[in-house]
Protein backbone atom coordinates (compact mmCIF):
# COMPACT_ATOMS: atom_id res chain seq x y z
CA MET A 1 167.60 143.69 48.48
CA ILE A 2 166.76 140.40 50.34
CA ARG A 3 163.96 140.50 52.80
CA ILE A 4 161.59 137.90 54.21
CA LYS A 5 158.16 138.99 53.32
CA GLU A 6 155.68 136.74 55.14
CA ILE A 7 155.96 133.81 57.48
CA SER A 8 153.00 131.49 58.23
CA ALA A 9 151.75 131.22 61.79
CA GLU A 10 153.19 127.65 62.05
CA GLU A 11 156.64 128.72 60.94
CA LYS A 12 156.65 131.75 63.28
CA VAL A 13 155.85 129.45 66.25
CA THR A 14 158.71 127.08 65.07
CA LEU A 15 161.18 130.01 64.64
CA GLU A 16 160.32 131.45 68.10
CA ASN A 17 160.90 128.03 69.66
CA MET A 18 164.17 127.60 67.84
CA LYS A 19 165.19 131.07 68.85
CA LYS A 20 164.57 130.23 72.58
CA ASN A 21 165.33 126.48 72.90
CA HIS A 22 167.80 125.25 70.33
CA PRO A 23 170.91 124.04 71.87
CA GLY A 24 173.17 125.61 69.12
CA HIS A 25 173.94 129.31 69.29
CA MET A 26 174.09 129.90 65.52
CA PRO A 27 170.57 128.31 64.75
CA ARG A 28 169.23 130.67 67.35
CA MET A 29 170.70 133.55 65.66
CA ARG A 30 169.56 132.62 62.26
CA ALA A 31 165.87 132.07 63.45
CA HIS A 32 165.97 135.43 65.19
CA ALA A 33 167.27 137.07 62.09
CA ILE A 34 164.42 135.55 59.92
CA LEU A 35 161.86 136.91 62.42
CA LEU A 36 163.40 140.26 62.39
CA SER A 37 163.60 140.35 58.74
CA GLU A 38 159.93 139.56 58.48
CA THR A 39 159.15 142.59 60.56
CA GLY A 40 161.16 144.90 58.25
CA TYR A 41 164.75 144.86 59.16
CA GLU A 42 167.11 145.14 56.25
CA VAL A 43 170.30 143.00 55.73
CA GLN A 44 172.58 145.79 56.87
CA GLU A 45 170.66 146.30 60.06
CA LEU A 46 170.58 142.57 60.78
CA SER A 47 174.40 142.30 60.17
CA GLU A 48 174.99 144.86 62.73
CA ILE A 49 172.69 143.44 65.25
CA PHE A 50 174.26 139.98 64.96
CA GLY A 51 177.80 141.07 64.34
CA VAL A 52 178.31 139.26 60.97
CA CYS A 53 178.94 140.43 57.54
CA ARG A 54 176.19 141.31 55.13
CA GLN A 55 177.04 138.35 52.90
CA THR A 56 176.53 136.01 56.03
CA THR A 57 173.06 137.48 56.77
CA ALA A 58 172.13 137.42 53.10
CA THR A 59 173.06 133.70 53.13
CA TRP A 60 170.84 132.96 56.07
CA LEU A 61 167.83 134.70 54.43
CA ARG A 62 168.38 133.01 51.13
CA ALA A 63 168.63 129.60 52.93
CA TRP A 64 165.36 130.19 54.62
CA SER A 65 163.78 131.20 51.17
CA LYS A 66 164.82 127.97 49.71
CA GLY A 67 164.69 125.48 52.57
CA GLY A 68 162.72 126.73 55.42
CA VAL A 69 163.55 125.84 59.02
CA CYS A 70 165.86 122.89 58.03
CA ALA A 71 168.01 125.22 56.14
CA LEU A 72 168.81 127.17 59.35
CA LEU A 73 170.40 124.23 61.07
CA ASP A 74 174.08 123.64 61.20
CA LYS A 75 175.26 120.73 58.60
CA PRO A 76 177.62 118.09 59.82
CA ARG A 77 181.14 118.96 59.53
CA SER A 78 184.30 116.80 58.98
CA GLY A 79 187.03 116.81 61.57
CA ARG A 80 188.16 115.41 64.78
CA PRO A 81 185.42 115.05 67.47
CA ARG A 82 185.35 117.33 70.39
CA LYS A 83 187.37 116.23 73.47
CA ILE A 84 185.28 118.49 75.98
CA VAL A 85 181.92 117.33 76.68
CA ASP A 86 178.94 119.75 77.28
CA GLU A 87 177.80 119.80 80.86
CA ALA A 88 174.17 119.32 79.67
CA SER A 89 175.11 116.07 78.00
């Protein structure tokens, strides 16, 4: 079973900020999942909360364990650039 045991105060502040302010939806979800895992939620519960499969949730938790905050960010992807521009831009 994968669970985040302990997060430092600095990491907790960073994750809270990421959860509230990151422009991307997925990094916000991942940060929230890490925070909930640390409070005792299990993979299955997190999967149900976020509407993703158990494997996805486990991948998020493993990524955090190996790479910290940077591992929760989306990686660049290949493909055609978007045609629609965000209104915030």
